[in-house]
Amino acid sequence: MFHYDFRPRGVCSQAIHVDLSDDGSTIEGVAFDGGCNGNLKAIGKLVKGQPVDQVANTLEGNTCGPRRTSCADQLSHALREAQSAARA
């Protein structure tokens, strides 16, 4: 398992913790520090076991109110960074 910590920008959560399979292709776990607790726990449950590329493509560009980003959008960035680091 590969672990990656991401600092999101422009959202309420302060950190996103990502666990990927050794090859970086599958999400093994996601946890958020801060933000909308219930919703972000649910996102973590929904994405567990899913392919990184599928989840990142689905969540990319999601917004929150007037913001240009959201915790889900920031998760897409976290997943892409984690995947690149896992494959390096």
N, C-alpha and C. Protein backbone atom coordinates (compact mmCIF):
# COMPACT_ATOMS: atom_id res chain seq x y z
N MET A 1 0.85 -1.18 0.00
CA MET A 1 0.00 0.00 0.00
C MET A 1 0.89 1.24 0.00
N PHE A 2 0.46 2.26 -0.73
CA PHE A 2 1.18 3.53 -0.82
C PHE A 2 0.34 4.61 -0.15
N HIS A 3 0.93 5.36 0.80
CA HIS A 3 0.22 6.43 1.52
C HIS A 3 0.71 7.79 1.03
N TYR A 4 -0.24 8.73 0.87
CA TYR A 4 0.10 10.08 0.41
C TYR A 4 -0.77 11.09 1.16
N ASP A 5 -0.15 12.15 1.66
CA ASP A 5 -0.87 13.24 2.31
C ASP A 5 -0.88 14.45 1.40
N PHE A 6 -2.05 15.04 1.22
CA PHE A 6 -2.25 16.16 0.30
C PHE A 6 -2.85 17.33 1.07
N ARG A 7 -2.35 18.53 0.83
CA ARG A 7 -2.90 19.73 1.44
C ARG A 7 -3.79 20.43 0.41
N PRO A 8 -5.12 20.36 0.60
CA PRO A 8 -6.04 20.99 -0.35
C PRO A 8 -5.99 22.52 -0.28
N ARG A 9 -6.41 23.15 -1.36
CA ARG A 9 -6.42 24.61 -1.44
C ARG A 9 -7.83 25.10 -1.77
N GLY A 10 -8.26 26.15 -1.07
CA GLY A 10 -9.54 26.79 -1.39
C GLY A 10 -10.77 26.09 -0.85
N VAL A 11 -10.58 25.17 0.11
CA VAL A 11 -11.71 24.44 0.69
C VAL A 11 -11.59 24.41 2.20
N CYS A 12 -12.60 23.90 2.86
CA CYS A 12 -12.62 23.85 4.33
C CYS A 12 -11.70 22.76 4.90
N SER A 13 -11.55 21.65 4.21
CA SER A 13 -10.71 20.59 4.76
C SER A 13 -9.24 21.02 4.73
N GLN A 14 -8.48 20.56 5.72
CA GLN A 14 -7.08 20.96 5.83
C GLN A 14 -6.11 19.92 5.27
N ALA A 15 -6.56 18.67 5.15
CA ALA A 15 -5.68 17.62 4.64
C ALA A 15 -6.52 16.49 4.07
N ILE A 16 -5.97 15.82 3.05
CA ILE A 16 -6.58 14.62 2.49
C ILE A 16 -5.51 13.53 2.55
N HIS A 17 -5.86 12.40 3.18
CA HIS A 17 -4.95 11.27 3.31
C HIS A 17 -5.41 10.19 2.34
N VAL A 18 -4.53 9.80 1.44
CA VAL A 18 -4.86 8.85 0.38
C VAL A 18 -4.02 7.60 0.53
N ASP A 19 -4.66 6.45 0.47
CA ASP A 19 -3.96 5.16 0.42
C ASP A 19 -4.32 4.49 -0.90
N LEU A 20 -3.28 4.15 -1.67
CA LEU A 20 -3.45 3.50 -2.96
C LEU A 20 -2.82 2.12 -2.94
N SER A 21 -3.22 1.29 -3.89
CA SER A 21 -2.56 0.01 -4.08
C SER A 21 -1.10 0.27 -4.45
N ASP A 22 -0.25 -0.72 -4.31
CA ASP A 22 1.18 -0.56 -4.57
C ASP A 22 1.47 -0.02 -5.97
N ASP A 23 0.66 -0.40 -6.95
CA ASP A 23 0.88 0.08 -8.32
C ASP A 23 0.21 1.42 -8.60
N GLY A 24 -0.50 1.97 -7.61
CA GLY A 24 -1.12 3.29 -7.75
C GLY A 24 -2.39 3.33 -8.57
N SER A 25 -2.98 2.18 -8.85
CA SER A 25 -4.15 2.17 -9.73
C SER A 25 -5.49 2.13 -9.00
N THR A 26 -5.49 1.69 -7.74
CA THR A 26 -6.74 1.50 -7.01
C THR A 26 -6.70 2.22 -5.66
N ILE A 27 -7.82 2.83 -5.30
CA ILE A 27 -7.93 3.53 -4.02
C ILE A 27 -8.21 2.51 -2.92
N GLU A 28 -7.36 2.49 -1.92
CA GLU A 28 -7.57 1.60 -0.78
C GLU A 28 -8.21 2.33 0.39
N GLY A 29 -8.08 3.66 0.43
CA GLY A 29 -8.71 4.44 1.48
C GLY A 29 -8.48 5.93 1.28
N VAL A 30 -9.44 6.72 1.76
CA VAL A 30 -9.35 8.18 1.72
C VAL A 30 -9.93 8.71 3.02
N ALA A 31 -9.22 9.67 3.63
CA ALA A 31 -9.72 10.33 4.85
C ALA A 31 -9.41 11.82 4.75
N PHE A 32 -10.34 12.63 5.24
CA PHE A 32 -10.20 14.07 5.22
C PHE A 32 -10.04 14.58 6.64
N ASP A 33 -9.23 15.62 6.84
CA ASP A 33 -9.17 16.37 8.10
C ASP A 33 -9.92 17.67 7.87
N GLY A 34 -10.97 17.90 8.65
CA GLY A 34 -11.78 19.11 8.51
C GLY A 34 -12.81 18.95 7.41
N GLY A 35 -13.54 20.01 7.14
CA GLY A 35 -14.58 19.98 6.12
C GLY A 35 -15.88 19.42 6.65
N CYS A 36 -16.78 19.08 5.77
CA CYS A 36 -18.11 18.55 6.13
C CYS A 36 -17.98 17.08 6.48
N ASN A 37 -17.85 16.80 7.74
CA ASN A 37 -17.49 15.48 8.25
C ASN A 37 -18.30 14.33 7.64
N GLY A 38 -19.60 14.39 7.72
CA GLY A 38 -20.44 13.30 7.23
C GLY A 38 -20.29 13.07 5.74
N ASN A 39 -20.32 14.15 4.97
CA ASN A 39 -20.20 14.02 3.52
C ASN A 39 -18.84 13.48 3.12
N LEU A 40 -17.79 13.94 3.78
CA LEU A 40 -16.46 13.51 3.41
C LEU A 40 -16.18 12.07 3.84
N LYS A 41 -16.77 11.62 4.94
CA LYS A 41 -16.68 10.21 5.31
C LYS A 41 -17.38 9.35 4.25
N ALA A 42 -18.50 9.84 3.77
CA ALA A 42 -19.25 9.10 2.74
C ALA A 42 -18.43 9.00 1.45
N ILE A 43 -17.78 10.08 1.06
CA ILE A 43 -16.93 10.03 -0.14
C ILE A 43 -15.85 8.96 0.04
N GLY A 44 -15.23 8.93 1.22
CA GLY A 44 -14.21 7.92 1.48
C GLY A 44 -14.73 6.50 1.31
N LYS A 45 -15.94 6.26 1.78
CA LYS A 45 -16.55 4.93 1.63
C LYS A 45 -16.88 4.61 0.18
N LEU A 46 -17.38 5.60 -0.54
CA LEU A 46 -17.79 5.38 -1.93
C LEU A 46 -16.61 5.11 -2.86
N VAL A 47 -15.47 5.71 -2.60
CA VAL A 47 -14.35 5.57 -3.52
C VAL A 47 -13.44 4.39 -3.20
N LYS A 48 -13.57 3.81 -2.01
CA LYS A 48 -12.72 2.68 -1.62
C LYS A 48 -12.90 1.52 -2.60
N GLY A 49 -11.78 1.02 -3.11
CA GLY A 49 -11.79 -0.09 -4.06
C GLY A 49 -11.98 0.32 -5.51
N GLN A 50 -12.17 1.61 -5.75
CA GLN A 50 -12.42 2.10 -7.11
C GLN A 50 -11.11 2.47 -7.82
N PRO A 51 -11.11 2.45 -9.15
CA PRO A 51 -9.93 2.87 -9.90
C PRO A 51 -9.66 4.37 -9.74
N VAL A 52 -8.40 4.72 -9.53
CA VAL A 52 -8.01 6.13 -9.36
C VAL A 52 -8.48 6.97 -10.53
N ASP A 53 -8.22 6.54 -11.75
CA ASP A 53 -8.56 7.35 -12.92
C ASP A 53 -10.05 7.61 -13.02
N GLN A 54 -10.86 6.60 -12.75
CA GLN A 54 -12.31 6.76 -12.83
C GLN A 54 -12.80 7.79 -11.81
N VAL A 55 -12.36 7.68 -10.57
CA VAL A 55 -12.80 8.59 -9.51
C VAL A 55 -12.30 10.01 -9.79
N ALA A 56 -11.04 10.15 -10.16
CA ALA A 56 -10.47 11.48 -10.43
C ALA A 56 -11.22 12.15 -11.58
N ASN A 57 -11.52 11.42 -12.63
CA ASN A 57 -12.25 11.99 -13.77
C ASN A 57 -13.67 12.40 -13.38
N THR A 58 -14.30 11.61 -12.53
CA THR A 58 -15.68 11.91 -12.12
C THR A 58 -15.75 13.14 -11.23
N LEU A 59 -14.82 13.28 -10.30
CA LEU A 59 -14.88 14.37 -9.32
C LEU A 59 -14.25 15.67 -9.78
N GLU A 60 -13.38 15.60 -10.77
CA GLU A 60 -12.67 16.79 -11.24
C GLU A 60 -13.64 17.87 -11.71
N GLY A 61 -13.44 19.09 -11.23
CA GLY A 61 -14.26 20.23 -11.65
C GLY A 61 -15.49 20.46 -10.79
N ASN A 62 -15.76 19.59 -9.83
CA ASN A 62 -16.89 19.79 -8.93
C ASN A 62 -16.65 21.05 -8.10
N THR A 63 -17.69 21.86 -7.92
CA THR A 63 -17.55 23.10 -7.16
C THR A 63 -18.37 23.05 -5.88
N CYS A 64 -18.11 24.00 -4.98
CA CYS A 64 -18.83 24.11 -3.72
C CYS A 64 -19.28 25.56 -3.58
N GLY A 65 -20.58 25.79 -3.70
CA GLY A 65 -21.11 27.16 -3.61
C GLY A 65 -20.42 28.04 -4.64
N PRO A 66 -19.97 29.24 -4.22
CA PRO A 66 -19.34 30.16 -5.17
C PRO A 66 -17.87 29.83 -5.46
N ARG A 67 -17.32 28.84 -4.77
CA ARG A 67 -15.91 28.48 -4.96
C ARG A 67 -15.71 27.78 -6.31
N ARG A 68 -14.52 27.91 -6.84
CA ARG A 68 -14.18 27.25 -8.11
C ARG A 68 -13.76 25.80 -7.90
N THR A 69 -13.69 25.37 -6.64
CA THR A 69 -13.26 24.03 -6.31
C THR A 69 -14.14 23.49 -5.19
N SER A 70 -13.88 22.29 -4.77
CA SER A 70 -14.60 21.65 -3.67
C SER A 70 -13.68 20.59 -3.08
N CYS A 71 -14.09 20.01 -1.98
CA CYS A 71 -13.28 18.92 -1.41
C CYS A 71 -13.21 17.75 -2.39
N ALA A 72 -14.28 17.49 -3.12
CA ALA A 72 -14.27 16.41 -4.11
C ALA A 72 -13.30 16.72 -5.24
N ASP A 73 -13.30 17.97 -5.72
CA ASP A 73 -12.36 18.38 -6.76
C ASP A 73 -10.93 18.29 -6.25
N GLN A 74 -10.71 18.72 -5.01
CA GLN A 74 -9.37 18.63 -4.44
C GLN A 74 -8.95 17.17 -4.28
N LEU A 75 -9.89 16.27 -4.00
CA LEU A 75 -9.58 14.85 -3.95
C LEU A 75 -9.08 14.36 -5.30
N SER A 76 -9.67 14.86 -6.38
CA SER A 76 -9.19 14.45 -7.71
C SER A 76 -7.73 14.84 -7.90
N HIS A 77 -7.36 16.03 -7.43
CA HIS A 77 -5.96 16.47 -7.52
C HIS A 77 -5.07 15.60 -6.62
N ALA A 78 -5.56 15.30 -5.43
CA ALA A 78 -4.80 14.45 -4.49
C ALA A 78 -4.56 13.07 -5.09
N LEU A 79 -5.59 12.51 -5.71
CA LEU A 79 -5.45 11.18 -6.31
C LEU A 79 -4.43 11.16 -7.44
N ARG A 80 -4.46 12.19 -8.27
CA ARG A 80 -3.50 12.25 -9.39
C ARG A 80 -2.07 12.41 -8.88
N GLU A 81 -1.89 13.27 -7.87
CA GLU A 81 -0.54 13.44 -7.29
C GLU A 81 -0.07 12.16 -6.63
N ALA A 82 -0.94 11.52 -5.88
CA ALA A 82 -0.59 10.28 -5.19
C ALA A 82 -0.24 9.19 -6.21
N GLN A 83 -1.01 9.12 -7.27
CA GLN A 83 -0.75 8.10 -8.30
C GLN A 83 0.61 8.34 -8.95
N SER A 84 0.91 9.59 -9.26
CA SER A 84 2.23 9.90 -9.85
C SER A 84 3.36 9.54 -8.89
N ALA A 85 3.19 9.86 -7.62
CA ALA A 85 4.23 9.56 -6.62
C ALA A 85 4.39 8.05 -6.44
N ALA A 86 3.28 7.32 -6.47
CA ALA A 86 3.34 5.86 -6.29
C ALA A 86 4.07 5.19 -7.46
N ARG A 87 3.93 5.77 -8.63
CA ARG A 87 4.53 5.16 -9.84
C ARG A 87 5.95 5.63 -10.08
N ALA A 88 6.41 6.62 -9.30
CA ALA A 88 7.76 7.16 -9.51
C ALA A 88 8.83 6.24 -8.96
